[in-house]
Amino acid sequence: MEITPKPAPVLPTRINKYVAWQRSISRREADKLIEAGTIFINSRKAVLGDKVTASDAVEFRYSGKQPKA
C-alpha cells in the first residue's frame, strides 16, 4: 500500500489549514500553535482566521523571536 501526501491547499486559505498541511499536524494542533504566537505571516504574528496567499511568507518561530541567520 502506497502512502500519498496530502494535496496542497488551494490558496488563499485559512492559516490553520495551511500550517496543518505544512507541518503534517491536525488543524486543532495548528490552532494551538497560532494562539501560542509561534506562527508569523509576513513578520506579523498570525491570528486565527487569517488568510494565506501564495505571496505570503509563513514562518514558525519556536521562541516567538526571529531566528538568527
N, C-alpha and C. Protein backbone atom coordinates (compact mmCIF):
# COMPACT_ATOMS: atom_id res chain seq x y z
N MET A 1 0.83 -1.17 0.00
CA MET A 1 0.00 0.00 0.00
C MET A 1 0.88 1.24 0.00
N GLU A 2 0.67 2.09 -0.97
CA GLU A 2 1.47 3.30 -1.11
C GLU A 2 0.79 4.47 -0.40
N ILE A 3 1.57 5.23 0.36
CA ILE A 3 1.04 6.39 1.06
C ILE A 3 1.28 7.62 0.19
N THR A 4 0.21 8.35 -0.10
CA THR A 4 0.34 9.56 -0.90
C THR A 4 0.22 10.78 0.01
N PRO A 5 1.01 11.81 -0.26
CA PRO A 5 0.94 13.02 0.56
C PRO A 5 -0.38 13.75 0.35
N LYS A 6 -0.76 14.55 1.36
CA LYS A 6 -1.97 15.36 1.23
C LYS A 6 -1.75 16.39 0.13
N PRO A 7 -2.79 16.67 -0.65
CA PRO A 7 -2.63 17.71 -1.67
C PRO A 7 -2.51 19.08 -1.01
N ALA A 8 -1.79 19.96 -1.67
CA ALA A 8 -1.61 21.32 -1.15
C ALA A 8 -2.95 22.03 -1.12
N PRO A 9 -3.17 22.86 -0.09
CA PRO A 9 -4.43 23.60 -0.03
C PRO A 9 -4.51 24.64 -1.15
N VAL A 10 -5.72 24.90 -1.60
CA VAL A 10 -5.94 25.92 -2.61
C VAL A 10 -5.82 27.28 -1.93
N LEU A 11 -5.01 28.16 -2.48
CA LEU A 11 -4.78 29.48 -1.88
C LEU A 11 -5.69 30.51 -2.52
N PRO A 12 -6.20 31.49 -1.80
CA PRO A 12 -5.98 31.75 -0.38
C PRO A 12 -6.74 30.76 0.50
N THR A 13 -6.15 30.49 1.65
CA THR A 13 -6.75 29.57 2.61
C THR A 13 -6.48 30.07 4.02
N ARG A 14 -7.22 29.55 4.99
CA ARG A 14 -7.02 29.97 6.37
C ARG A 14 -5.68 29.47 6.89
N ILE A 15 -5.10 30.25 7.79
CA ILE A 15 -3.76 29.96 8.30
C ILE A 15 -3.70 28.60 8.98
N ASN A 16 -4.74 28.20 9.72
CA ASN A 16 -4.66 26.93 10.43
C ASN A 16 -4.61 25.75 9.46
N LYS A 17 -5.32 25.83 8.37
CA LYS A 17 -5.30 24.76 7.37
C LYS A 17 -3.92 24.69 6.70
N TYR A 18 -3.35 25.85 6.41
CA TYR A 18 -2.03 25.91 5.78
C TYR A 18 -0.95 25.34 6.70
N VAL A 19 -0.96 25.75 7.97
CA VAL A 19 0.03 25.26 8.94
C VAL A 19 -0.13 23.76 9.15
N ALA A 20 -1.37 23.30 9.25
CA ALA A 20 -1.62 21.87 9.43
C ALA A 20 -1.05 21.08 8.25
N TRP A 21 -1.21 21.59 7.05
CA TRP A 21 -0.68 20.91 5.86
C TRP A 21 0.84 20.94 5.86
N GLN A 22 1.43 22.11 6.15
CA GLN A 22 2.89 22.25 6.12
C GLN A 22 3.59 21.38 7.16
N ARG A 23 3.03 21.29 8.36
CA ARG A 23 3.69 20.59 9.46
C ARG A 23 3.13 19.19 9.69
N SER A 24 2.18 18.75 8.87
CA SER A 24 1.55 17.43 8.99
C SER A 24 0.98 17.20 10.38
N ILE A 25 0.18 18.18 10.84
CA ILE A 25 -0.49 18.09 12.13
C ILE A 25 -1.98 18.36 11.91
N SER A 26 -2.77 18.19 12.96
CA SER A 26 -4.20 18.46 12.85
C SER A 26 -4.45 19.97 12.87
N ARG A 27 -5.62 20.38 12.42
CA ARG A 27 -5.96 21.80 12.44
C ARG A 27 -6.06 22.31 13.87
N ARG A 28 -6.51 21.49 14.78
CA ARG A 28 -6.60 21.92 16.18
C ARG A 28 -5.21 22.13 16.77
N GLU A 29 -4.26 21.29 16.40
CA GLU A 29 -2.89 21.50 16.84
C GLU A 29 -2.33 22.79 16.23
N ALA A 30 -2.68 23.04 14.97
CA ALA A 30 -2.25 24.28 14.31
C ALA A 30 -2.86 25.48 15.03
N ASP A 31 -4.12 25.37 15.45
CA ASP A 31 -4.76 26.46 16.20
C ASP A 31 -3.99 26.77 17.48
N LYS A 32 -3.52 25.74 18.16
CA LYS A 32 -2.75 25.94 19.40
C LYS A 32 -1.44 26.66 19.12
N LEU A 33 -0.76 26.30 18.03
CA LEU A 33 0.49 26.99 17.67
C LEU A 33 0.23 28.46 17.34
N ILE A 34 -0.87 28.73 16.64
CA ILE A 34 -1.22 30.10 16.28
C ILE A 34 -1.55 30.91 17.54
N GLU A 35 -2.34 30.33 18.42
CA GLU A 35 -2.71 31.01 19.66
C GLU A 35 -1.50 31.24 20.56
N ALA A 36 -0.51 30.36 20.49
CA ALA A 36 0.70 30.49 21.30
C ALA A 36 1.64 31.57 20.75
N GLY A 37 1.34 32.08 19.55
CA GLY A 37 2.15 33.15 18.98
C GLY A 37 3.41 32.68 18.29
N THR A 38 3.44 31.45 17.81
CA THR A 38 4.63 30.92 17.16
C THR A 38 4.56 30.96 15.64
N ILE A 39 3.42 31.36 15.08
CA ILE A 39 3.25 31.42 13.63
C ILE A 39 3.17 32.88 13.20
N PHE A 40 3.96 33.24 12.18
CA PHE A 40 4.00 34.60 11.68
C PHE A 40 3.71 34.60 10.18
N ILE A 41 2.97 35.61 9.74
CA ILE A 41 2.71 35.81 8.31
C ILE A 41 3.33 37.16 7.95
N ASN A 42 4.30 37.13 7.05
CA ASN A 42 4.99 38.36 6.64
C ASN A 42 5.50 39.15 7.85
N SER A 43 6.13 38.46 8.80
CA SER A 43 6.71 39.03 10.02
C SER A 43 5.68 39.61 10.99
N ARG A 44 4.41 39.30 10.79
CA ARG A 44 3.35 39.73 11.70
C ARG A 44 2.77 38.50 12.36
N LYS A 45 2.55 38.57 13.67
CA LYS A 45 2.02 37.43 14.40
C LYS A 45 0.65 37.07 13.83
N ALA A 46 0.47 35.79 13.48
CA ALA A 46 -0.79 35.33 12.91
C ALA A 46 -1.86 35.21 13.98
N VAL A 47 -3.10 35.43 13.59
CA VAL A 47 -4.25 35.22 14.47
C VAL A 47 -5.20 34.26 13.75
N LEU A 48 -6.01 33.56 14.54
CA LEU A 48 -6.96 32.63 13.94
C LEU A 48 -7.86 33.37 12.96
N GLY A 49 -8.07 32.77 11.80
CA GLY A 49 -8.92 33.38 10.79
C GLY A 49 -8.16 34.12 9.71
N ASP A 50 -6.85 34.36 9.93
CA ASP A 50 -6.04 35.00 8.89
C ASP A 50 -6.03 34.13 7.65
N LYS A 51 -5.94 34.78 6.49
CA LYS A 51 -5.85 34.06 5.23
C LYS A 51 -4.42 34.14 4.70
N VAL A 52 -3.99 33.07 4.05
CA VAL A 52 -2.65 32.98 3.47
C VAL A 52 -2.80 32.94 1.96
N THR A 53 -2.00 33.75 1.27
CA THR A 53 -1.97 33.73 -0.19
C THR A 53 -0.61 33.20 -0.65
N ALA A 54 -0.48 32.98 -1.93
CA ALA A 54 0.77 32.42 -2.47
C ALA A 54 1.96 33.35 -2.26
N SER A 55 1.72 34.65 -2.15
CA SER A 55 2.83 35.60 -1.99
C SER A 55 3.23 35.82 -0.53
N ASP A 56 2.52 35.23 0.42
CA ASP A 56 2.82 35.40 1.85
C ASP A 56 3.98 34.52 2.29
N ALA A 57 4.76 35.04 3.24
CA ALA A 57 5.83 34.26 3.87
C ALA A 57 5.33 33.82 5.24
N VAL A 58 5.16 32.52 5.43
CA VAL A 58 4.68 31.98 6.70
C VAL A 58 5.86 31.37 7.43
N GLU A 59 6.07 31.81 8.69
CA GLU A 59 7.21 31.35 9.49
C GLU A 59 6.73 30.71 10.78
N PHE A 60 7.48 29.72 11.24
CA PHE A 60 7.27 29.10 12.53
C PHE A 60 8.45 29.49 13.41
N ARG A 61 8.17 30.21 14.49
CA ARG A 61 9.22 30.64 15.42
C ARG A 61 8.92 30.02 16.77
N TYR A 62 9.77 29.10 17.16
CA TYR A 62 9.53 28.35 18.40
C TYR A 62 9.50 29.26 19.62
N SER A 63 10.42 30.22 19.69
CA SER A 63 10.50 31.09 20.85
C SER A 63 9.77 32.40 20.66
N GLY A 64 9.15 32.60 19.50
CA GLY A 64 8.47 33.85 19.21
C GLY A 64 9.40 34.92 18.67
N LYS A 65 10.70 34.61 18.58
CA LYS A 65 11.68 35.55 18.07
C LYS A 65 12.13 35.11 16.68
N GLN A 66 12.57 36.08 15.91
CA GLN A 66 13.05 35.77 14.57
C GLN A 66 14.35 34.98 14.69
N PRO A 67 14.47 33.87 13.94
CA PRO A 67 15.70 33.08 14.03
C PRO A 67 16.91 33.84 13.52
N LYS A 68 18.08 33.56 14.12
CA LYS A 68 19.32 34.21 13.69
C LYS A 68 19.78 33.60 12.38
N ALA A 69 20.32 34.44 11.52
CA ALA A 69 20.77 33.98 10.20
C ALA A 69 22.10 33.26 10.29
